[in-house]
């Protein structure tokens, strides 16, 4: 199973909803939602946990809750085959 399109869509969505000054976050959140919806339709055989996280992130994006969406999208990548969850190093 190859889920590179879903992984790429998640990375693109994360880049779109990066909080930066002067950006129209509502437009970027909507672009991210479209990108994720297309990728989910193209990857119905992706792990259910990854798809569930992406779906939950979409709901948060709908309400402008960017940090919650970013957390869920990052977690979703960890469920994709060939991806490893990133564990933050202790200082």
Protein backbone atom coordinates (compact mmCIF):
# COMPACT_ATOMS: atom_id res chain seq x y z
CA UNK A 1 0.00 0.00 0.00
CA UNK A 2 1.31 3.37 -1.01
CA UNK A 3 -0.11 6.36 0.83
CA UNK A 4 2.26 9.03 -0.40
CA UNK A 5 -0.60 11.19 -1.70
CA UNK A 6 -2.21 11.25 1.76
CA UNK A 7 1.15 11.95 3.40
CA UNK A 8 1.83 14.74 0.90
CA UNK A 9 -1.64 16.22 1.48
CA UNK A 10 -1.09 16.20 5.23
CA UNK A 11 2.28 17.93 4.82
CA UNK A 12 0.73 20.48 2.46
CA UNK A 13 -2.12 21.13 4.89
CA UNK A 14 0.32 21.60 7.74
CA UNK A 15 2.21 24.14 5.66
CA UNK A 16 -0.99 25.95 4.71
CA UNK A 17 -2.19 26.36 8.28
CA UNK A 18 1.12 27.50 9.67
CA UNK A 19 0.32 30.58 11.71
CA UNK A 20 2.17 33.56 10.27
CA UNK A 21 1.48 37.25 10.51
CA UNK A 22 -0.49 38.80 7.70
CA UNK A 23 -2.00 35.61 6.32
CA UNK A 24 -5.69 34.99 5.76
CA UNK A 25 -6.03 31.88 7.87
CA UNK A 26 -9.66 31.24 6.88
CA UNK A 27 -8.70 30.94 3.21
CA UNK A 28 -5.70 28.77 4.01
CA UNK A 29 -7.77 26.51 6.27
CA UNK A 30 -10.30 26.03 3.46
CA UNK A 31 -7.50 25.19 1.00
CA UNK A 32 -6.13 22.67 3.50
CA UNK A 33 -9.58 21.08 3.89
CA UNK A 34 -9.95 20.69 0.12
CA UNK A 35 -6.49 19.17 -0.16
CA UNK A 36 -7.19 16.68 2.63
CA UNK A 37 -10.63 15.74 1.28
CA UNK A 38 -9.18 14.93 -2.15
CA UNK A 39 -6.38 12.84 -0.65
CA UNK A 40 -8.81 10.91 1.56
CA UNK A 41 -10.92 10.02 -1.47
CA UNK A 42 -7.79 8.80 -3.25
CA UNK A 43 -6.61 6.73 -0.26
CA UNK A 44 -9.62 4.79 1.05
CA UNK A 45 -7.37 1.89 2.02
CA UNK A 46 -5.21 4.03 4.31
CA UNK A 47 -5.09 2.94 7.95
CA UNK A 48 -8.38 3.78 9.66
CA UNK A 49 -6.62 5.57 12.52
CA UNK A 50 -4.90 7.92 10.07
CA UNK A 51 -8.18 8.63 8.27
CA UNK A 52 -9.97 9.22 11.58
CA UNK A 53 -7.31 11.73 12.66
CA UNK A 54 -7.53 13.53 9.32
CA UNK A 55 -11.34 13.66 9.58
CA UNK A 56 -11.11 15.08 13.09
CA UNK A 57 -8.57 17.65 11.92
CA UNK A 58 -10.97 18.67 9.17
CA UNK A 59 -13.65 19.40 11.76
CA UNK A 60 -11.25 21.59 13.71
CA UNK A 61 -10.24 23.42 10.53
CA UNK A 62 -13.91 24.13 9.82
CA UNK A 63 -14.07 26.08 13.09
CA UNK A 64 -10.68 27.75 12.75
CA UNK A 65 -9.03 25.68 15.48
CA UNK A 66 -5.62 25.51 13.83
CA UNK A 67 -3.51 24.19 16.69
CA UNK A 68 -5.86 21.27 17.29
CA UNK A 69 -5.89 20.49 13.56
CA UNK A 70 -2.09 20.60 13.38
CA UNK A 71 -1.80 18.20 16.31
CA UNK A 72 -4.21 15.72 14.73
CA UNK A 73 -2.55 15.92 11.31
CA UNK A 74 0.85 15.34 12.84
CA UNK A 75 -0.51 12.31 14.69
CA UNK A 76 -2.15 11.02 11.49
CA UNK A 77 1.23 10.90 9.75
CA UNK A 78 2.45 8.54 12.47
CA UNK A 79 -0.16 5.96 11.46
CA UNK A 80 0.89 5.85 7.81
CA UNK A 81 3.07 2.89 6.83
CA UNK A 82 6.70 3.86 6.53
CA UNK A 83 6.23 6.91 8.74
CA UNK A 84 7.52 7.10 12.26
CA UNK A 85 6.05 9.30 14.90
CA UNK A 86 8.43 12.03 15.95
CA UNK A 87 9.18 12.13 19.64
CA UNK A 88 10.41 15.43 21.00
CA UNK A 89 13.81 15.29 22.64
CA UNK A 90 14.13 16.38 26.21
CA UNK A 91 16.20 19.47 26.87
